[in-house]
């Protein structure tokens, strides 16, 4: 993926040109999948994007549930 394009994608996703490590990894994966198919948007690119979004979504939900459990445990112990 072109460096300017990567910086633009990172800026759109995170507001930072360098991007977070997760954003850089996701961009690199999507860039390599797209480069393999000559830059065309094929089913592989769409599936790779959906898998990345699914993993990010599951990680977000797991984090929120962990924080909720921690908060409820702390509230329960204080009573």
Protein backbone atom coordinates (compact mmCIF):
# COMPACT_ATOMS: atom_id res chain seq x y z
CA UNK A 1 0.00 0.00 0.00
CA UNK A 2 1.32 3.43 -0.89
CA UNK A 3 2.66 5.40 2.10
CA UNK A 4 0.46 8.45 1.38
CA UNK A 5 -2.60 6.24 1.05
CA UNK A 6 -1.77 4.50 4.33
CA UNK A 7 -1.42 7.85 6.11
CA UNK A 8 -4.76 9.00 4.67
CA UNK A 9 -6.52 5.82 5.79
CA UNK A 10 -4.98 6.04 9.26
CA UNK A 11 -6.01 9.69 9.53
CA UNK A 12 -9.59 8.88 8.53
CA UNK A 13 -9.84 5.96 10.96
CA UNK A 14 -8.04 7.38 13.99
CA UNK A 15 -7.31 11.07 13.39
CA UNK A 16 -3.59 10.24 13.52
CA UNK A 17 -1.40 9.90 10.44
CA UNK A 18 0.72 7.16 11.99
CA UNK A 19 -2.27 5.23 13.32
CA UNK A 20 -2.46 2.80 16.17
CA UNK A 21 -0.71 -0.58 15.92
CA UNK A 22 -4.04 -2.29 15.25
CA UNK A 23 -4.86 0.15 12.46
CA UNK A 24 -1.44 -0.35 10.88
CA UNK A 25 -1.81 -4.15 11.00
CA UNK A 26 -5.33 -4.03 9.52
CA UNK A 27 -4.17 -1.66 6.79
CA UNK A 28 -1.22 -3.88 5.97
CA UNK A 29 -3.41 -6.99 5.74
CA UNK A 30 -5.95 -5.28 3.50
CA UNK A 31 -3.17 -3.77 1.40
CA UNK A 32 -1.51 -7.12 0.81
CA UNK A 33 -4.79 -8.82 -0.06
CA UNK A 34 -5.64 -6.01 -2.47
CA UNK A 35 -2.14 -6.02 -4.00
CA UNK A 36 -2.38 -9.74 -4.69
CA UNK A 37 -5.48 -9.12 -6.82
CA UNK A 38 -4.00 -6.13 -8.70
CA UNK A 39 -5.81 -3.62 -6.51
CA UNK A 40 -9.30 -4.75 -7.48
CA UNK A 41 -12.05 -5.02 -4.91
CA UNK A 42 -12.72 -8.74 -5.00
CA UNK A 43 -14.46 -11.13 -2.68
CA UNK A 44 -11.19 -11.84 -0.87
CA UNK A 45 -10.74 -8.17 0.00
CA UNK A 46 -14.32 -7.92 1.24
CA UNK A 47 -13.96 -11.10 3.32
CA UNK A 48 -10.64 -9.90 4.77
CA UNK A 49 -12.26 -6.59 5.74
CA UNK A 50 -15.22 -8.32 7.33
CA UNK A 51 -12.97 -10.67 9.30
CA UNK A 52 -10.94 -7.73 10.61
CA UNK A 53 -14.12 -5.88 11.58
CA UNK A 54 -15.51 -9.02 13.24
CA UNK A 55 -12.38 -9.59 15.31
CA UNK A 56 -12.30 -5.91 16.32
CA UNK A 57 -15.99 -6.07 17.26
CA UNK A 58 -15.51 -9.19 19.37
CA UNK A 59 -12.52 -7.65 21.13
CA UNK A 60 -14.54 -4.52 21.88
CA UNK A 61 -17.46 -6.52 23.29
CA UNK A 62 -15.12 -8.68 25.38
CA UNK A 63 -13.41 -5.59 26.78
CA UNK A 64 -16.74 -3.97 27.66
CA UNK A 65 -17.98 -7.14 29.38
CA UNK A 66 -14.74 -7.41 31.35
CA UNK A 67 -15.01 -3.81 32.51
CA UNK A 68 -18.68 -4.27 33.43
CA UNK A 69 -17.81 -7.37 35.46
CA UNK A 70 -15.01 -5.50 37.22
CA UNK A 71 -17.31 -2.59 38.09
CA UNK A 72 -20.07 -4.85 39.36
CA UNK A 73 -17.59 -6.83 41.45
CA UNK A 74 -16.22 -3.66 43.03
CA UNK A 75 -19.75 -2.35 43.74
CA UNK A 76 -20.77 -5.71 45.25
CA UNK A 77 -17.74 -5.79 47.54
CA UNK A 78 -18.34 -2.27 48.83
CA UNK A 79 -21.80 -3.13 50.18
